[in-house]
Amino acid sequence: MKSENEYLKSSLKDCGFQEKTAARYMYYAEASQISDMLRLLKQQRRKLMVDLHTAQKKVDTIDFMIRSVEQKKEENHEQLYL
């Protein structure tokens, strides 16, 4: 079973914290510097949201391309039967 410290390190890694930032967070946690902990968590959340929006734009572009190709395929299929 993981200790609380190991669980926290694992959670920070899962959230995409860089090793240096995770170490700083751990220092703040040990020193009960709540405002600094929150600042780091909010910074990481903002970064993840930017990454999420960037990925969503890519997915939207791929979806558009898929619809375009499917539409062309459908048009070509219909032309065969005219």
PDB file of N, CA and C in Angstrom:
ATOM      1  N   MET A   1       0.824  -1.177   0.000  1.00  0.00           N
ATOM      2  CA  MET A   1       0.000   0.000   0.000  1.00  0.00           C
ATOM      3  C   MET A   1       0.876   1.252   0.000  1.00  0.00           C
ATOM      4  N   LYS A   2       0.497   2.221  -0.832  1.00  0.00           N
ATOM      5  CA  LYS A   2       1.289   3.435  -0.942  1.00  0.00           C
ATOM      6  C   LYS A   2       1.122   4.321   0.281  1.00  0.00           C
ATOM      7  N   SER A   3       2.228   4.965   0.633  1.00  0.00           N
ATOM      8  CA  SER A   3       2.139   5.959   1.706  1.00  0.00           C
ATOM      9  C   SER A   3       1.479   7.217   1.140  1.00  0.00           C
ATOM     10  N   GLU A   4       1.082   8.107   2.017  1.00  0.00           N
ATOM     11  CA  GLU A   4       0.439   9.354   1.583  1.00  0.00           C
ATOM     12  C   GLU A   4       1.381  10.150   0.688  1.00  0.00           C
ATOM     13  N   ASN A   5       2.655  10.140   1.024  1.00  0.00           N
ATOM     14  CA  ASN A   5       3.670  10.851   0.246  1.00  0.00           C
ATOM     15  C   ASN A   5       3.809  10.251  -1.156  1.00  0.00           C
ATOM     16  N   GLU A   6       3.856   8.932  -1.230  1.00  0.00           N
ATOM     17  CA  GLU A   6       3.959   8.249  -2.523  1.00  0.00           C
ATOM     18  C   GLU A   6       2.704   8.491  -3.369  1.00  0.00           C
ATOM     19  N   TYR A   7       1.562   8.476  -2.725  1.00  0.00           N
ATOM     20  CA  TYR A   7       0.307   8.720  -3.430  1.00  0.00           C
ATOM     21  C   TYR A   7       0.297  10.139  -4.007  1.00  0.00           C
ATOM     22  N   LEU A   8       0.753  11.107  -3.212  1.00  0.00           N
ATOM     23  CA  LEU A   8       0.798  12.494  -3.672  1.00  0.00           C
ATOM     24  C   LEU A   8       1.745  12.638  -4.863  1.00  0.00           C
ATOM     25  N   LYS A   9       2.929  12.042  -4.780  1.00  0.00           N
ATOM     26  CA  LYS A   9       3.889  12.086  -5.890  1.00  0.00           C
ATOM     27  C   LYS A   9       3.286  11.464  -7.141  1.00  0.00           C
ATOM     28  N   SER A  10       2.618  10.340  -6.981  1.00  0.00           N
ATOM     29  CA  SER A  10       1.985   9.660  -8.103  1.00  0.00           C
ATOM     30  C   SER A  10       0.883  10.526  -8.716  1.00  0.00           C
ATOM     31  N   SER A  11       0.102  11.164  -7.874  1.00  0.00           N
ATOM     32  CA  SER A  11      -0.976  12.029  -8.355  1.00  0.00           C
ATOM     33  C   SER A  11      -0.425  13.219  -9.129  1.00  0.00           C
ATOM     34  N   LEU A  12       0.646  13.814  -8.622  1.00  0.00           N
ATOM     35  CA  LEU A  12       1.261  14.946  -9.317  1.00  0.00           C
ATOM     36  C   LEU A  12       1.795  14.522 -10.683  1.00  0.00           C
ATOM     37  N   LYS A  13       2.409  13.359 -10.728  1.00  0.00           N
ATOM     38  CA  LYS A  13       2.920  12.840 -11.997  1.00  0.00           C
ATOM     39  C   LYS A  13       1.757  12.581 -12.962  1.00  0.00           C
ATOM     40  N   ASP A  14       0.683  11.991 -12.456  1.00  0.00           N
ATOM     41  CA  ASP A  14      -0.492  11.713 -13.290  1.00  0.00           C
ATOM     42  C   ASP A  14      -1.109  12.998 -13.844  1.00  0.00           C
ATOM     43  N   CYS A  15      -0.965  14.090 -13.100  1.00  0.00           N
ATOM     44  CA  CYS A  15      -1.504  15.389 -13.536  1.00  0.00           C
ATOM     45  C   CYS A  15      -0.551  16.120 -14.476  1.00  0.00           C
ATOM     46  N   GLY A  16       0.591  15.519 -14.750  1.00  0.00           N
ATOM     47  CA  GLY A  16       1.527  16.103 -15.706  1.00  0.00           C
ATOM     48  C   GLY A  16       2.520  17.089 -15.119  1.00  0.00           C
ATOM     49  N   PHE A  17       2.650  17.096 -13.799  1.00  0.00           N
ATOM     50  CA  PHE A  17       3.626  17.994 -13.196  1.00  0.00           C
ATOM     51  C   PHE A  17       5.037  17.589 -13.606  1.00  0.00           C
ATOM     52  N   GLN A  18       5.863  18.569 -13.926  1.00  0.00           N
ATOM     53  CA  GLN A  18       7.285  18.315 -14.166  1.00  0.00           C
ATOM     54  C   GLN A  18       7.909  17.934 -12.821  1.00  0.00           C
ATOM     55  N   GLU A  19       8.997  17.196 -12.866  1.00  0.00           N
ATOM     56  CA  GLU A  19       9.627  16.707 -11.634  1.00  0.00           C
ATOM     57  C   GLU A  19      10.001  17.854 -10.697  1.00  0.00           C
ATOM     58  N   LYS A  20      10.548  18.929 -11.249  1.00  0.00           N
ATOM     59  CA  LYS A  20      10.971  20.072 -10.442  1.00  0.00           C
ATOM     60  C   LYS A  20       9.758  20.745  -9.778  1.00  0.00           C
ATOM     61  N   THR A  21       8.683  20.901 -10.529  1.00  0.00           N
ATOM     62  CA  THR A  21       7.479  21.536  -9.987  1.00  0.00           C
ATOM     63  C   THR A  21       6.826  20.633  -8.935  1.00  0.00           C
ATOM     64  N   ALA A  22       6.843  19.331  -9.182  1.00  0.00           N
ATOM     65  CA  ALA A  22       6.289  18.390  -8.201  1.00  0.00           C
ATOM     66  C   ALA A  22       7.086  18.449  -6.902  1.00  0.00           C
ATOM     67  N   ALA A  23       8.402  18.564  -7.004  1.00  0.00           N
ATOM     68  CA  ALA A  23       9.238  18.659  -5.803  1.00  0.00           C
ATOM     69  C   ALA A  23       8.921  19.943  -5.040  1.00  0.00           C
ATOM     70  N   ARG A  24       8.699  21.025  -5.780  1.00  0.00           N
ATOM     71  CA  ARG A  24       8.339  22.288  -5.131  1.00  0.00           C
ATOM     72  C   ARG A  24       6.988  22.153  -4.428  1.00  0.00           C
ATOM     73  N   TYR A  25       6.043  21.482  -5.099  1.00  0.00           N
ATOM     74  CA  TYR A  25       4.734  21.257  -4.487  1.00  0.00           C
ATOM     75  C   TYR A  25       4.880  20.448  -3.199  1.00  0.00           C
ATOM     76  N   MET A  26       5.693  19.410  -3.243  1.00  0.00           N
ATOM     77  CA  MET A  26       5.907  18.569  -2.061  1.00  0.00           C
ATOM     78  C   MET A  26       6.503  19.397  -0.911  1.00  0.00           C
ATOM     79  N   TYR A  27       7.425  20.285  -1.260  1.00  0.00           N
ATOM     80  CA  TYR A  27       8.010  21.166  -0.237  1.00  0.00           C
ATOM     81  C   TYR A  27       6.922  22.037   0.389  1.00  0.00           C
ATOM     82  N   TYR A  28       6.092  22.634  -0.470  1.00  0.00           N
ATOM     83  CA  TYR A  28       5.007  23.479   0.033  1.00  0.00           C
ATOM     84  C   TYR A  28       4.034  22.668   0.896  1.00  0.00           C
ATOM     85  N   ALA A  29       3.761  21.444   0.497  1.00  0.00           N
ATOM     86  CA  ALA A  29       2.842  20.596   1.263  1.00  0.00           C
ATOM     87  C   ALA A  29       3.415  20.299   2.652  1.00  0.00           C
ATOM     88  N   GLU A  30       4.698  19.975   2.700  1.00  0.00           N
ATOM     89  CA  GLU A  30       5.344  19.680   3.986  1.00  0.00           C
ATOM     90  C   GLU A  30       5.376  20.908   4.888  1.00  0.00           C
ATOM     91  N   ALA A  31       5.463  22.098   4.262  1.00  0.00           N
ATOM     92  CA  ALA A  31       5.522  23.345   5.028  1.00  0.00           C
ATOM     93  C   ALA A  31       4.127  23.944   5.239  1.00  0.00           C
ATOM     94  N   SER A  32       3.098  23.227   4.793  1.00  0.00           N
ATOM     95  CA  SER A  32       1.707  23.691   4.913  1.00  0.00           C
ATOM     96  C   SER A  32       1.489  25.064   4.284  1.00  0.00           C
ATOM     97  N   GLN A  33       2.147  25.275   3.153  1.00  0.00           N
ATOM     98  CA  GLN A  33       1.991  26.538   2.425  1.00  0.00           C
ATOM     99  C   GLN A  33       0.851  26.362   1.409  1.00  0.00           C
ATOM    100  N   ILE A  34      -0.348  26.452   1.929  1.00  0.00           N
ATOM    101  CA  ILE A  34      -1.550  26.157   1.161  1.00  0.00           C
ATOM    102  C   ILE A  34      -1.697  27.058  -0.064  1.00  0.00           C
ATOM    103  N   SER A  35      -1.461  28.349   0.098  1.00  0.00           N
ATOM    104  CA  SER A  35      -1.644  29.266  -1.038  1.00  0.00           C
ATOM    105  C   SER A  35      -0.670  28.938  -2.164  1.00  0.00           C
ATOM    106  N   ASP A  36       0.554  28.544  -1.829  1.00  0.00           N
ATOM    107  CA  ASP A  36       1.530  28.157  -2.860  1.00  0.00           C
ATOM    108  C   ASP A  36       1.133  26.838  -3.526  1.00  0.00           C
ATOM    109  N   MET A  37       0.595  25.921  -2.737  1.00  0.00           N
ATOM    110  CA  MET A  37       0.123  24.648  -3.298  1.00  0.00           C
ATOM    111  C   MET A  37      -1.008  24.912  -4.293  1.00  0.00           C
ATOM    112  N   LEU A  38      -1.950  25.739  -3.889  1.00  0.00           N
ATOM    113  CA  LEU A  38      -3.074  26.066  -4.772  1.00  0.00           C
ATOM    114  C   LEU A  38      -2.602  26.768  -6.044  1.00  0.00           C
ATOM    115  N   ARG A  39      -1.633  27.665  -5.896  1.00  0.00           N
ATOM    116  CA  ARG A  39      -1.098  28.374  -7.072  1.00  0.00           C
ATOM    117  C   ARG A  39      -0.523  27.386  -8.090  1.00  0.00           C
ATOM    118  N   LEU A  40       0.263  26.422  -7.608  1.00  0.00           N
ATOM    119  CA  LEU A  40       0.842  25.432  -8.516  1.00  0.00           C
ATOM    120  C   LEU A  40      -0.236  24.560  -9.155  1.00  0.00           C
ATOM    121  N   LEU A  41      -1.218  24.157  -8.364  1.00  0.00           N
ATOM    122  CA  LEU A  41      -2.296  23.330  -8.904  1.00  0.00           C
ATOM    123  C   LEU A  41      -3.087  24.091  -9.973  1.00  0.00           C
ATOM    124  N   LYS A  42      -3.367  25.345  -9.727  1.00  0.00           N
ATOM    125  CA  LYS A  42      -4.126  26.145 -10.693  1.00  0.00           C
ATOM    126  C   LYS A  42      -3.320  26.412 -11.961  1.00  0.00           C
ATOM    127  N   GLN A  43      -2.009  26.614 -11.800  1.00  0.00           N
ATOM    128  CA  GLN A  43      -1.149  26.792 -12.976  1.00  0.00           C
ATOM    129  C   GLN A  43      -1.178  25.537 -13.854  1.00  0.00           C
ATOM    130  N   GLN A  44      -1.068  24.387 -13.217  1.00  0.00           N
ATOM    131  CA  GLN A  44      -1.070  23.132 -13.969  1.00  0.00           C
ATOM    132  C   GLN A  44      -2.420  22.910 -14.628  1.00  0.00           C
ATOM    133  N   ARG A  45      -3.493  23.250 -13.938  1.00  0.00           N
ATOM    134  CA  ARG A  45      -4.837  23.101 -14.513  1.00  0.00           C
ATOM    135  C   ARG A  45      -4.984  23.970 -15.759  1.00  0.00           C
ATOM    136  N   ARG A  46      -4.508  25.221 -15.681  1.00  0.00           N
ATOM    137  CA  ARG A  46      -4.566  26.106 -16.853  1.00  0.00           C
ATOM    138  C   ARG A  46      -3.802  25.505 -18.029  1.00  0.00           C
ATOM    139  N   LYS A  47      -2.616  24.954 -17.745  1.00  0.00           N
ATOM    140  CA  LYS A  47      -1.810  24.336 -18.800  1.00  0.00           C
ATOM    141  C   LYS A  47      -2.561  23.157 -19.420  1.00  0.00           C
ATOM    142  N   LEU A  48      -3.158  22.327 -18.580  1.00  0.00           N
ATOM    143  CA  LEU A  48      -3.907  21.176 -19.082  1.00  0.00           C
ATOM    144  C   LEU A  48      -5.108  21.614 -19.914  1.00  0.00           C
ATOM    145  N   MET A  49      -5.765  22.694 -19.517  1.00  0.00           N
ATOM    146  CA  MET A  49      -6.913  23.189 -20.281  1.00  0.00           C
ATOM    147  C   MET A  49      -6.481  23.707 -21.653  1.00  0.00           C
ATOM    148  N   VAL A  50      -5.336  24.377 -21.720  1.00  0.00           N
ATOM    149  CA  VAL A  50      -4.803  24.827 -23.010  1.00  0.00           C
ATOM    150  C   VAL A  50      -4.512  23.614 -23.889  1.00  0.00           C
ATOM    151  N   ASP A  51      -3.871  22.603 -23.307  1.00  0.00           N
ATOM    152  CA  ASP A  51      -3.574  21.375 -24.051  1.00  0.00           C
ATOM    153  C   ASP A  51      -4.857  20.699 -24.531  1.00  0.00           C
ATOM    154  N   LEU A  52      -5.865  20.694 -23.674  1.00  0.00           N
ATOM    155  CA  LEU A  52      -7.145  20.087 -24.027  1.00  0.00           C
ATOM    156  C   LEU A  52      -7.789  20.817 -25.195  1.00  0.00           C
ATOM    157  N   HIS A  53      -7.791  22.139 -25.158  1.00  0.00           N
ATOM    158  CA  HIS A  53      -8.385  22.915 -26.243  1.00  0.00           C
ATOM    159  C   HIS A  53      -7.607  22.736 -27.550  1.00  0.00           C
ATOM    160  N   THR A  54      -6.299  22.637 -27.453  1.00  0.00           N
ATOM    161  CA  THR A  54      -5.474  22.394 -28.642  1.00  0.00           C
ATOM    162  C   THR A  54      -5.812  21.032 -29.245  1.00  0.00           C
ATOM    163  N   ALA A  55      -5.937  20.019 -28.392  1.00  0.00           N
ATOM    164  CA  ALA A  55      -6.291  18.678 -28.868  1.00  0.00           C
ATOM    165  C   ALA A  55      -7.699  18.671 -29.461  1.00  0.00           C
ATOM    166  N   GLN A  56      -8.634  19.422 -28.855  1.00  0.00           N
ATOM    167  CA  GLN A  56     -10.001  19.474 -29.362  1.00  0.00           C
ATOM    168  C   GLN A  56     -10.040  20.081 -30.759  1.00  0.00           C
ATOM    169  N   LYS A  57      -9.229  21.115 -31.004  1.00  0.00           N
ATOM    170  CA  LYS A  57      -9.160  21.713 -32.345  1.00  0.00           C
ATOM    171  C   LYS A  57      -8.672  20.682 -33.360  1.00  0.00           C
ATOM    172  N   LYS A  58      -7.714  19.866 -32.966  1.00  0.00           N
ATOM    173  CA  LYS A  58      -7.200  18.825 -33.863  1.00  0.00           C
ATOM    174  C   LYS A  58      -8.280  17.788 -34.164  1.00  0.00           C
ATOM    175  N   VAL A  59      -9.018  17.396 -33.133  1.00  0.00           N
ATOM    176  CA  VAL A  59     -10.107  16.428 -33.315  1.00  0.00           C
ATOM    177  C   VAL A  59     -11.179  17.017 -34.230  1.00  0.00           C
ATOM    178  N   ASP A  60     -11.508  18.290 -34.024  1.00  0.00           N
ATOM    179  CA  ASP A  60     -12.503  18.945 -34.872  1.00  0.00           C
ATOM    180  C   ASP A  60     -12.062  18.958 -36.333  1.00  0.00           C
ATOM    181  N   THR A  61     -10.784  19.206 -36.573  1.00  0.00           N
ATOM    182  CA  THR A  61     -10.260  19.210 -37.939  1.00  0.00           C
ATOM    183  C   THR A  61     -10.344  17.819 -38.560  1.00  0.00           C
ATOM    184  N   ILE A  62      -9.980  16.805 -37.802  1.00  0.00           N
ATOM    185  CA  ILE A  62     -10.067  15.430 -38.307  1.00  0.00           C
ATOM    186  C   ILE A  62     -11.517  15.056 -38.591  1.00  0.00           C
ATOM    187  N   ASP A  63     -12.437  15.430 -37.700  1.00  0.00           N
ATOM    188  CA  ASP A  63     -13.863  15.150 -37.929  1.00  0.00           C
ATOM    189  C   ASP A  63     -14.346  15.809 -39.210  1.00  0.00           C
ATOM    190  N   PHE A  64     -13.928  17.042 -39.457  1.00  0.00           N
ATOM    191  CA  PHE A  64     -14.307  17.743 -40.691  1.00  0.00           C
ATOM    192  C   PHE A  64     -13.766  16.999 -41.910  1.00  0.00           C
ATOM    193  N   MET A  65     -12.506  16.574 -41.827  1.00  0.00           N
ATOM    194  CA  MET A  65     -11.896  15.851 -42.953  1.00  0.00           C
ATOM    195  C   MET A  65     -12.629  14.531 -43.205  1.00  0.00           C
ATOM    196  N   ILE A  66     -12.982  13.819 -42.135  1.00  0.00           N
ATOM    197  CA  ILE A  66     -13.713  12.550 -42.280  1.00  0.00           C
ATOM    198  C   ILE A  66     -15.049  12.793 -42.963  1.00  0.00           C
ATOM    199  N   ARG A  67     -15.783  13.818 -42.497  1.00  0.00           N
ATOM    200  CA  ARG A  67     -17.079  14.122 -43.122  1.00  0.00           C
ATOM    201  C   ARG A  67     -16.912  14.484 -44.591  1.00  0.00           C
ATOM    202  N   SER A  68     -15.873  15.234 -44.929  1.00  0.00           N
ATOM    203  CA  SER A  68     -15.629  15.630 -46.316  1.00  0.00           C
ATOM    204  C   SER A  68     -15.352  14.415 -47.197  1.00  0.00           C
ATOM    205  N   VAL A  69     -14.516  13.513 -46.706  1.00  0.00           N
ATOM    206  CA  VAL A  69     -14.176  12.310 -47.478  1.00  0.00           C
ATOM    207  C   VAL A  69     -15.403  11.410 -47.614  1.00  0.00           C
ATOM    208  N   GLU A  70     -16.154  11.255 -46.524  1.00  0.00           N
ATOM    209  CA  GLU A  70     -17.371  10.428 -46.593  1.00  0.00           C
ATOM    210  C   GLU A  70     -18.380  11.019 -47.564  1.00  0.00           C
ATOM    211  N   GLN A  71     -18.480  12.347 -47.588  1.00  0.00           N
ATOM    212  CA  GLN A  71     -19.403  13.006 -48.505  1.00  0.00           C
ATOM    213  C   GLN A  71     -18.961  12.772 -49.955  1.00  0.00           C
ATOM    214  N   LYS A  72     -17.669  12.874 -50.223  1.00  0.00           N
ATOM    215  CA  LYS A  72     -17.162  12.610 -51.573  1.00  0.00           C
ATOM    216  C   LYS A  72     -17.420  11.162 -51.970  1.00  0.00           C
ATOM    217  N   LYS A  73     -17.218  10.265 -51.041  1.00  0.00           N
ATOM    218  CA  LYS A  73     -17.457   8.850 -51.306  1.00  0.00           C
ATOM    219  C   LYS A  73     -18.925   8.632 -51.660  1.00  0.00           C
ATOM    220  N   GLU A  74     -19.805   9.267 -50.911  1.00  0.00           N
ATOM    221  CA  GLU A  74     -21.244   9.144 -51.148  1.00  0.00           C
ATOM    222  C   GLU A  74     -21.615   9.718 -52.519  1.00  0.00           C
ATOM    223  N   GLU A  75     -21.035  10.859 -52.863  1.00  0.00           N
ATOM    224  CA  GLU A  75     -21.310  11.479 -54.166  1.00  0.00           C
ATOM    225  C   GLU A  75     -20.826  10.580 -55.289  1.00  0.00           C
ATOM    226  N   ASN A  76     -19.653   9.992 -55.157  1.00  0.00           N
ATOM    227  CA  ASN A  76     -19.109   9.098 -56.179  1.00  0.00           C
ATOM    228  C   ASN A  76     -19.983   7.847 -56.308  1.00  0.00           C
ATOM    229  N   HIS A  77     -20.448   7.331 -55.178  1.00  0.00           N
ATOM    230  CA  HIS A  77     -21.315   6.153 -55.189  1.00  0.00           C
ATOM    231  C   HIS A  77     -22.620   6.444 -55.907  1.00  0.00           C
ATOM    232  N   GLU A  78     -23.194   7.632 -55.662  1.00  0.00           N
ATOM    233  CA  GLU A  78     -24.445   7.998 -56.312  1.00  0.00           C
ATOM    234  C   GLU A  78     -24.260   8.164 -57.817  1.00  0.00           C
ATOM    235  N   GLN A  79     -23.103   8.686 -58.229  1.00  0.00           N
ATOM    236  CA  GLN A  79     -22.849   8.894 -59.654  1.00  0.00           C
ATOM    237  C   GLN A  79     -22.798   7.560 -60.403  1.00  0.00           C
ATOM    238  N   LEU A  80     -22.365   6.513 -59.755  1.00  0.00           N
ATOM    239  CA  LEU A  80     -22.303   5.222 -60.400  1.00  0.00           C
ATOM    240  C   LEU A  80     -23.690   4.707 -60.784  1.00  0.00           C
ATOM    241  N   TYR A  81     -24.700   5.101 -60.037  1.00  0.00           N
ATOM    242  CA  TYR A  81     -26.054   4.607 -60.276  1.00  0.00           C
ATOM    243  C   TYR A  81     -26.895   5.547 -61.090  1.00  0.00           C
ATOM    244  N   LEU A  82     -26.359   6.669 -61.552  1.00  0.00           N
ATOM    245  CA  LEU A  82     -27.132   7.586 -62.387  1.00  0.00           C
ATOM    246  C   LEU A  82     -26.966   7.274 -63.855  1.00  0.00           C
TER     247      LEU A  82
END
